[in-house]
Protein backbone atom coordinates (compact mmCIF):
# COMPACT_ATOMS: atom_id res chain seq x y z
CA UNK A 1 74.93 100.00 114.27
CA UNK A 2 73.94 102.62 112.04
CA UNK A 3 75.38 102.18 108.61
CA UNK A 4 76.18 105.95 106.75
CA UNK A 5 75.46 105.14 102.85
CA UNK A 6 76.92 108.03 100.45
CA UNK A 7 74.97 108.35 97.05
CA UNK A 8 76.92 105.79 95.64
CA UNK A 9 75.47 103.19 97.87
CA UNK A 10 79.07 102.56 99.74
CA UNK A 11 79.18 102.11 103.60
CA UNK A 12 82.07 101.68 105.81
CA UNK A 13 81.22 97.93 106.37
CA UNK A 14 81.39 97.95 102.24
CA UNK A 15 84.92 98.78 102.76
CA UNK A 16 85.72 96.15 105.36
CA UNK A 17 84.24 93.72 103.43
CA UNK A 18 86.06 94.20 100.11
CA UNK A 19 88.99 94.11 102.61
CA UNK A 20 90.74 97.58 102.43
CA UNK A 21 91.11 97.75 106.20
CA UNK A 22 93.09 94.54 105.76
CA UNK A 23 95.31 95.57 103.11
CA UNK A 24 95.54 99.00 104.24
CA UNK A 25 94.23 98.98 107.73
CA UNK A 26 95.24 96.07 108.95
CA UNK A 27 96.87 94.34 111.69
CA UNK A 28 98.69 96.10 114.58
CA UNK A 29 101.86 94.18 113.55
CA UNK A 30 101.98 96.30 110.32
CA UNK A 31 100.75 99.55 112.00
CA UNK A 32 104.00 99.20 114.38
CA UNK A 33 106.16 99.26 111.27
CA UNK A 34 105.55 103.02 111.34
CA UNK A 35 106.84 103.75 114.54
CA UNK A 36 110.18 104.84 113.60
CA UNK A 37 110.98 107.77 111.56
CA UNK A 38 113.06 107.85 108.36
CA UNK A 39 116.27 109.58 107.92
CA UNK A 40 115.78 112.60 105.37
CA UNK A 41 116.41 116.46 105.16
CA UNK A 42 114.86 118.56 108.00
CA UNK A 43 111.28 120.71 107.04
CA UNK A 44 110.48 123.96 108.40
CA UNK A 45 109.96 124.05 112.56
CA UNK A 46 107.04 122.43 113.36
CA UNK A 47 104.40 123.97 114.93
CA UNK A 48 102.72 121.11 115.82
CA UNK A 49 102.87 117.54 117.21
CA UNK A 50 99.90 115.94 115.97
CA UNK A 51 96.24 116.47 114.02
CA UNK A 52 92.89 115.19 114.67
CA UNK A 53 91.49 115.11 111.25
CA UNK A 54 87.53 114.80 111.41
CA UNK A 55 86.23 113.72 108.30
CA UNK A 56 82.71 114.40 107.12
CA UNK A 57 82.10 111.87 104.72
CA UNK A 58 79.33 112.58 101.76
CA UNK A 59 79.99 116.09 101.65
CA UNK A 60 78.85 118.41 104.37
CA UNK A 61 76.79 121.51 103.25
CA UNK A 62 78.25 124.95 103.91
CA UNK A 63 75.51 126.48 103.76
CA UNK A 64 73.95 125.13 106.65
CA UNK A 65 77.12 124.84 108.78
CA UNK A 66 79.89 127.65 108.44
CA UNK A 67 78.95 129.75 105.30
CA UNK A 68 75.02 130.88 105.97
CA UNK A 69 73.82 132.96 103.01
CA UNK A 70 70.80 134.97 104.93
CA UNK A 71 70.40 137.36 102.19
CA UNK A 72 69.79 135.07 99.59
CA UNK A 73 66.65 134.00 97.70
CA UNK A 74 65.01 131.15 100.55
CA UNK A 75 65.72 128.49 97.49
CA UNK A 76 69.39 129.35 98.25
CA UNK A 77 69.34 130.28 101.80
CA UNK A 78 67.53 127.46 103.09
CA UNK A 79 65.43 127.02 106.12
CA UNK A 80 68.12 127.85 108.63
CA UNK A 81 68.71 131.13 110.31
CA UNK A 82 72.24 132.39 110.58
CA UNK A 83 73.41 133.41 113.88
CA UNK A 84 76.61 135.62 114.84
CA UNK A 85 79.65 134.21 116.42
CA UNK A 86 82.11 135.38 118.71
CA UNK A 87 84.31 136.88 115.65
CA UNK A 88 82.58 140.39 114.29
CA UNK A 89 80.82 139.87 110.85
CA UNK A 90 81.24 135.60 111.05
CA UNK A 91 78.00 134.21 110.62
CA UNK A 92 77.03 130.27 111.60
CA UNK A 93 74.01 128.43 111.04
CA UNK A 94 71.87 128.75 114.15
CA UNK A 95 72.38 124.88 114.86
CA UNK A 96 76.27 125.22 116.13
CA UNK A 97 75.93 127.95 118.64
CA UNK A 98 78.60 125.98 121.04
CA UNK A 99 81.11 126.33 118.17
CA UNK A 100 79.75 130.07 117.25
CA UNK A 101 80.81 130.81 121.08
CA UNK A 102 84.26 129.08 120.84
CA UNK A 103 85.53 131.20 116.92
CA UNK A 104 88.10 132.93 118.96
CA UNK A 105 89.88 129.30 119.32
CA UNK A 106 90.03 128.43 115.56
CA UNK A 107 89.98 129.61 111.87
CA UNK A 108 87.31 129.08 109.21
CA UNK A 109 88.31 128.76 105.82
CA UNK A 110 85.38 129.26 103.29
CA UNK A 111 87.41 129.53 99.90
CA UNK A 112 88.74 126.03 98.98
CA UNK A 113 87.49 124.97 95.63
CA UNK A 114 88.51 122.04 92.93
CA UNK A 115 87.09 120.37 90.03
CA UNK A 116 86.28 116.78 91.71
CA UNK A 117 82.64 116.33 92.09
CA UNK A 118 82.21 112.86 92.88
CA UNK A 119 82.87 110.96 96.67
CA UNK A 120 85.96 108.97 95.00
CA UNK A 121 87.87 111.59 93.66
CA UNK A 122 86.82 114.85 95.87
CA UNK A 123 88.38 112.32 98.92
CA UNK A 124 91.31 111.59 97.09
CA UNK A 125 92.08 115.10 96.47
CA UNK A 126 91.52 116.75 99.84
CA UNK A 127 93.34 114.02 101.64
CA UNK A 128 96.22 113.59 99.94
CA UNK A 129 96.87 117.15 98.03
CA UNK A 130 96.98 115.61 94.71
CA UNK A 131 94.21 115.63 91.88
CA UNK A 132 93.26 111.60 90.54
CA UNK A 133 95.66 111.31 87.74
CA UNK A 134 92.58 109.55 86.14
CA UNK A 135 88.72 109.58 85.90
CA UNK A 136 87.42 108.13 89.28
CA UNK A 137 83.96 106.93 89.84
CA UNK A 138 81.93 108.23 92.48
CA UNK A 139 82.54 104.81 94.47
CA UNK A 140 85.41 104.09 94.16
CA UNK A 141 88.49 103.80 96.62
CA UNK A 142 91.75 105.00 94.78
CA UNK A 143 94.99 105.81 96.06
CA UNK A 144 97.36 107.49 93.77
CA UNK A 145 99.09 109.25 96.03
CA UNK A 146 100.11 108.68 99.74
CA UNK A 147 97.42 110.49 102.23
CA UNK A 148 98.22 112.72 104.80
CA UNK A 149 98.46 110.73 107.73
CA UNK A 150 100.88 107.69 105.80
CA UNK A 151 103.07 110.87 105.22
CA UNK A 152 102.86 111.68 108.88
CA UNK A 153 103.70 108.52 110.20
CA UNK A 154 106.66 108.32 107.89
CA UNK A 155 107.91 111.94 108.26
CA UNK A 156 107.13 112.35 111.94
CA UNK A 157 106.70 108.60 113.52
CA UNK A 158 105.57 107.97 116.93
CA UNK A 159 107.07 107.03 120.50
CA UNK A 160 108.38 103.28 120.72
CA UNK A 161 105.48 100.70 120.66
CA UNK A 162 102.46 103.44 119.54
CA UNK A 163 101.42 103.01 115.94
CA UNK A 164 102.03 106.69 114.31
CA UNK A 165 98.64 106.74 112.25
CA UNK A 166 94.88 106.01 113.51
CA UNK A 167 91.75 105.87 111.44
CA UNK A 168 88.64 105.75 113.51
CA UNK A 169 86.33 103.66 112.82
CA UNK A 170 87.38 102.96 109.24
CA UNK A 171 89.96 104.53 106.80
CA UNK A 172 88.80 107.01 104.79
CA UNK A 173 88.79 106.12 100.75
CA UNK A 174 91.89 107.47 99.58
CA UNK A 175 93.55 107.31 103.32
CA UNK A 176 95.99 105.02 102.65
CA UNK A 177 99.72 104.92 102.36
CA UNK A 178 99.96 103.89 98.19
CA UNK A 179 103.51 103.86 97.49
CA UNK A 180 104.93 104.28 100.67
CA UNK A 181 104.09 100.96 102.00
CA UNK A 182 101.81 99.03 104.31
CA UNK A 183 103.98 99.75 107.02
CA UNK A 184 102.37 103.56 107.13
CA UNK A 185 98.67 102.16 107.18
CA UNK A 186 96.74 103.31 109.42
CA UNK A 187 95.74 100.98 112.75
CA UNK A 188 91.91 101.11 112.52
CA UNK A 189 90.18 101.37 115.79
CA UNK A 190 86.30 99.76 114.55
CA UNK A 191 85.03 98.84 117.78
CA UNK A 192 82.49 101.61 119.74
CA UNK A 193 84.55 103.40 122.27
CA UNK A 194 80.78 103.97 123.93
CA UNK A 195 80.32 100.35 124.76
CA UNK A 196 80.51 99.32 128.15
CA UNK A 197 82.92 96.57 126.93
CA UNK A 198 85.16 98.24 124.48
CA UNK A 199 88.28 96.27 123.65
CA UNK A 200 90.92 97.48 120.78
CA UNK A 201 91.78 94.46 119.00
CA UNK A 202 95.30 93.47 119.11
CA UNK A 203 95.95 95.61 122.29
CA UNK A 204 93.84 94.30 124.91
CA UNK A 205 94.52 90.16 125.39
CA UNK A 206 91.75 88.14 124.45
CA UNK A 207 89.00 87.34 126.81
CA UNK A 208 89.98 84.42 129.37
CA UNK A 209 93.75 84.53 128.03
CA UNK A 210 96.11 84.83 130.94
CA UNK A 211 99.87 86.19 130.94
CA UNK A 212 101.08 82.75 131.44
CA UNK A 213 98.86 81.29 128.76
CA UNK A 214 99.71 84.42 126.26
CA UNK A 215 103.43 83.56 126.74
CA UNK A 216 102.86 79.83 125.41
CA UNK A 217 101.00 81.18 122.85
CA UNK A 218 103.61 83.44 122.27
CA UNK A 219 106.44 80.53 121.99
CA UNK A 220 103.80 78.67 119.67
CA UNK A 221 103.64 81.51 117.50
CA UNK A 222 107.97 81.84 117.52
CA UNK A 223 108.20 78.03 116.44
CA UNK A 224 105.45 78.63 113.49
CA UNK A 225 107.74 81.66 112.35
CA UNK A 226 110.90 79.69 112.37
CA UNK A 227 109.07 77.13 110.11
CA UNK A 228 107.54 80.06 107.90
CA UNK A 229 110.82 81.32 107.42
CA UNK A 230 112.81 78.18 106.17
CA UNK A 231 109.64 78.09 103.75
CA UNK A 232 110.59 81.60 102.96
CA UNK A 233 113.90 80.91 101.87
CA UNK A 234 112.87 78.26 99.76
CA UNK A 235 110.47 80.26 97.88
CA UNK A 236 112.57 83.46 97.89
CA UNK A 237 109.96 85.54 99.91
CA UNK A 238 111.38 88.60 100.87
CA UNK A 239 108.96 89.05 103.87
CA UNK A 240 111.80 87.49 106.31
CA UNK A 241 111.66 89.89 108.92
CA UNK A 242 108.02 89.71 109.73
CA UNK A 243 108.14 87.74 113.04
CA UNK A 244 109.80 91.05 114.53
CA UNK A 245 106.43 93.09 113.96
CA UNK A 246 104.18 90.00 115.77
CA UNK A 247 106.79 90.46 118.51
CA UNK A 248 106.04 94.05 118.73
CA UNK A 249 102.39 93.80 118.80
CA UNK A 250 102.81 90.87 121.64
CA UNK A 251 105.27 93.91 123.70
CA UNK A 252 102.09 96.56 122.68
CA UNK A 253 99.51 94.12 124.33
CA UNK A 254 101.41 93.82 127.75
CA UNK A 255 102.45 97.75 127.46
CA UNK A 256 101.20 99.76 130.63
CA UNK A 257 101.19 102.89 128.56
CA UNK A 258 99.50 101.34 125.58
CA UNK A 259 96.63 99.97 127.47
CA UNK A 260 96.29 103.33 129.46
CA UNK A 261 95.92 105.23 126.09
CA UNK A 262 92.79 103.22 124.77
CA UNK A 263 91.26 102.87 128.83
CA UNK A 264 88.51 105.45 128.22
CA UNK A 265 86.79 104.42 131.20
CA UNK A 266 89.65 105.91 132.99
CA UNK A 267 88.29 109.38 132.21
CA UNK A 268 85.60 111.04 134.67
CA UNK A 269 81.89 111.17 133.63
CA UNK A 270 82.02 114.59 133.67
CA UNK A 271 84.33 114.27 130.66
CA UNK A 272 82.73 111.73 129.22
CA UNK A 273 79.18 113.55 129.81
CA UNK A 274 80.50 116.42 127.89
CA UNK A 275 81.85 114.61 124.62
CA UNK A 276 78.55 113.21 123.97
CA UNK A 277 77.39 109.70 125.33
CA UNK A 278 77.51 108.38 122.05
CA UNK A 279 80.00 106.83 119.45
CA UNK A 280 81.17 110.00 117.95
CA UNK A 281 81.50 111.81 120.93
CA UNK A 282 83.55 109.01 122.60
CA UNK A 283 85.85 108.56 119.49
CA UNK A 284 86.88 112.08 119.73
CA UNK A 285 87.71 111.42 123.38
CA UNK A 286 89.65 108.42 122.56
CA UNK A 287 91.34 110.71 119.51
CA UNK A 288 92.51 113.07 122.11
CA UNK A 289 93.78 110.29 124.42
CA UNK A 290 95.61 109.12 121.27
CA UNK A 291 97.63 112.19 120.63
CA UNK A 292 98.06 112.96 124.24
CA UNK A 293 100.18 109.77 124.00
CA UNK A 294 102.20 110.77 120.98
CA UNK A 295 100.39 109.70 118.29
CA UNK A 296 101.00 112.29 115.32
CA UNK A 297 97.63 111.82 113.13
CA UNK A 298 94.22 110.70 113.81
CA UNK A 299 91.28 110.47 111.39
CA UNK A 300 88.07 110.06 112.61
CA UNK A 301 85.73 108.91 109.74
CA UNK A 302 81.98 110.65 110.52
CA UNK A 303 79.32 109.35 107.74
CA UNK A 304 75.98 110.36 106.68
CA UNK A 305 76.55 113.97 105.08
CA UNK A 306 75.63 113.02 101.56
CA UNK A 307 72.51 114.81 101.92
CA UNK A 308 70.41 114.63 98.35
CA UNK A 309 67.26 114.57 100.20
CA UNK A 310 65.42 115.74 103.56
CA UNK A 311 68.80 117.51 104.55
CA UNK A 312 66.81 119.95 106.97
CA UNK A 313 65.14 117.30 108.88
CA UNK A 314 68.37 115.43 108.76
CA UNK A 315 70.67 118.26 110.02
CA UNK A 316 68.45 119.15 113.30
CA UNK A 317 68.97 115.91 114.20
CA UNK A 318 72.80 115.62 113.28
CA UNK A 319 74.33 118.87 113.95
CA UNK A 320 73.22 119.72 117.80
CA UNK A 321 75.16 116.48 119.45
CA UNK A 322 78.11 116.81 116.55
CA UNK A 323 78.80 120.23 116.85
CA UNK A 324 78.62 120.01 120.92
CA UNK A 325 81.17 117.09 120.44
CA UNK A 326 83.60 119.12 118.39
CA UNK A 327 83.24 122.21 120.52
CA UNK A 328 84.24 120.00 123.76
CA UNK A 329 87.30 118.50 121.77
CA UNK A 330 88.22 121.86 121.17
CA UNK A 331 87.71 123.34 124.52
CA UNK A 332 89.25 120.27 126.16
CA UNK A 333 92.59 120.66 124.16
CA UNK A 334 92.88 123.98 125.33
CA UNK A 335 92.19 123.42 129.15
CA UNK A 336 94.89 121.04 128.74
CA UNK A 337 97.45 123.31 127.10
CA UNK A 338 97.34 120.91 124.17
CA UNK A 339 95.70 123.00 121.53
CA UNK A 340 98.98 124.64 120.52
CA UNK A 341 100.61 121.53 119.68
CA UNK A 342 97.26 119.74 118.39
CA UNK A 343 95.42 120.45 115.13
CA UNK A 344 91.84 119.98 114.81
CA UNK A 345 90.25 119.78 111.38
CA UNK A 346 86.75 119.31 110.27
CA UNK A 347 86.08 118.83 106.31
CA UNK A 348 84.65 116.67 103.65
CA UNK A 349 85.28 116.13 99.94
CA UNK A 350 83.16 119.37 98.97
CA UNK A 351 80.37 121.50 99.53
CA UNK A 352 76.72 121.07 98.44
CA UNK A 353 74.84 123.01 95.73
CA UNK A 354 73.37 126.48 96.01
CA UNK A 355 70.20 125.75 95.04
CA UNK A 356 67.66 123.11 97.03
CA UNK A 357 66.84 120.54 94.84
CA UNK A 358 62.91 118.87 94.32
CA UNK A 359 63.73 116.31 97.24
CA UNK A 360 64.83 119.05 99.95
CA UNK A 361 68.61 118.51 99.64
CA UNK A 362 71.42 119.82 97.92
CA UNK A 363 73.74 118.03 95.19
CA UNK A 364 77.35 117.63 95.33
CA UNK A 365 79.39 120.72 94.63
CA UNK A 366 83.22 121.54 94.88
CA UNK A 367 83.26 124.91 93.94
CA UNK A 368 82.68 126.01 97.01
CA UNK A 369 83.10 124.53 100.59
CA UNK A 370 84.16 125.61 104.30
CA UNK A 371 86.90 123.93 106.72
CA UNK A 372 87.34 124.57 109.99
CA UNK A 373 90.89 124.54 111.20
CA UNK A 374 92.23 124.85 114.95
CA UNK A 375 95.22 124.62 116.87
CA UNK A 376 98.62 123.71 116.18
CA UNK A 377 99.62 127.37 116.13
CA UNK A 378 96.75 128.47 114.25
CA UNK A 379 95.12 131.92 115.14
CA UNK A 380 91.60 132.35 116.20
CA UNK A 381 88.90 134.63 115.14
CA UNK A 382 89.63 134.43 111.37
CA UNK A 383 87.33 133.87 108.30
CA UNK A 384 89.64 133.09 105.70
CA UNK A 385 88.02 133.94 102.02
CA UNK A 386 84.73 134.26 100.74
CA UNK A 387 82.10 132.65 98.27
CA UNK A 388 79.40 135.03 96.60
CA UNK A 389 76.15 135.91 97.35
CA UNK A 390 74.21 133.00 96.94
CA UNK A 391 77.53 130.42 97.69
CA UNK A 392 77.86 129.30 94.37
CA UNK A 393 81.89 129.82 94.13
CA UNK A 394 85.14 131.25 96.36
CA UNK A 395 85.51 134.94 94.95
CA UNK A 396 88.19 135.90 97.74
CA UNK A 397 91.24 134.57 98.35
CA UNK A 398 90.68 131.34 96.44
CA UNK A 399 92.39 128.27 97.77
CA UNK A 400 93.26 124.75 96.40
CA UNK A 401 93.07 121.46 98.23
CA UNK A 402 97.14 121.80 97.80
CA UNK A 403 97.66 124.44 99.95
CA UNK A 404 95.22 122.81 102.38
CA UNK A 405 97.53 119.61 102.77
CA UNK A 406 100.78 122.05 102.43
CA UNK A 407 99.29 123.93 105.37
CA UNK A 408 98.92 120.92 107.69
CA UNK A 409 102.53 119.17 106.78
CA UNK A 410 104.02 122.66 107.51
CA UNK A 411 102.50 122.53 110.70
CA UNK A 412 103.47 119.36 111.23
CA UNK A 413 107.25 119.76 110.52
CA UNK A 414 107.14 118.41 107.24
CA UNK A 415 108.54 119.94 103.97
CA UNK A 416 105.41 119.48 101.65
CA UNK A 417 107.78 120.13 98.44
CA UNK A 418 109.98 117.15 99.50
CA UNK A 419 110.61 114.68 96.56
CA UNK A 420 109.65 110.90 97.33
CA UNK A 421 110.27 107.90 95.46
CA UNK A 422 107.98 105.52 94.49
CA UNK A 423 109.57 101.61 94.50
CA UNK A 424 109.88 101.79 90.55
CA UNK A 425 112.11 104.86 91.28
CA UNK A 426 109.81 107.60 89.75
CA UNK A 427 110.37 110.79 91.91
CA UNK A 428 107.06 112.47 92.77
CA UNK A 429 106.35 115.78 95.17
CA UNK A 430 104.70 115.13 98.46
CA UNK A 431 102.63 118.41 96.99
CA UNK A 432 103.17 119.67 93.48
CA UNK A 433 102.06 123.27 94.98
CA UNK A 434 103.66 123.68 98.14
CA UNK A 435 102.34 126.99 99.15
CA UNK A 436 100.67 126.65 102.73
CA UNK A 437 97.76 129.17 103.92
CA UNK A 438 99.74 132.03 105.29
CA UNK A 439 96.95 133.08 107.55
CA UNK A 440 96.67 129.54 109.17
CA UNK A 441 100.81 129.62 109.82
CA UNK A 442 100.52 132.14 112.65
């Protein structure tokens, strides 16, 4: 298994080992608590039903993807050529030809910038729309504010029996619910859907366990829970209703609809090949199946974008299959009539430095970045904002993470300025500057 490390040395496996996916992305019992929509004030009219957010962990270079600088000196523009897209005047890297041909189906934002130049803080800002309140280390897993996925789980909900928020194959550093509570944490699908024996924990019955044996074990679980409730009453533990979530988990395991959503093998060979017979491609396909089943928010965590060294040789291997899978997802959603109601967003925590370093790489740079934004009523053929001639900073239509997150919320019908309350009663706005990006709203 490939382990993608960022410069702080953290890997997806590290997050599992320190228990974050147990606490925030834990079992199905917790995830199922997110299926009911709380009563609250109505937000804007929704333009989208769901969002697939593709997180490029490490900070993807804007130069070698969506904002090349063909006229800059070589130490800035790099080795890759720029190619025209279907949108007049908009150029992409030469290694994104399929996305270039589909530019009429999405917008590119080139002018989001912020002041959080390390992985932990940058992730938090872009995933929540809230800057960290205190200095955050590069390798930190922080949660000062609920993530977009958790807010969507709380405000939008999902069909009965289906978790509202998925993280594939792991939760991002700041992808948790914070004060919204663990019931709005993501359900993590860690296993590789490209594997012939792909199974989702808690959804498929364990190997060799028949329905009858499962029912018997369910009876045993009931007895254990009854005894546990007795102990809880003696100790004053507030978690007295946990058994109902286990019951919901059991119902999901026997639900034909839920089983079908995860049965990626039901897809045709043609479709699976188009997405790419690799972990990333098949995870994108699984994401499409989840939103097709009514899940409002899926975050796909894709590591390996922290290119301090060997940037060009690495991207020559990474970009072709990556962009082919993204292009297939956008086209597939369009062909199925789902793109108008499904946002597809591709981004990371920041961009990369203008000047290539001594190790043929680029370092962290939060003054400029690029974001691909498709679906949910988003007009295509748009390039929003611009960076200067060498890519140092945004100079036109300068935007902040707050604007980006407010756009996602508004499209889902969530008021980004809504006041929410922490358990201690302290009020907080979902986004402190709740102004969406007008050009993306349609």
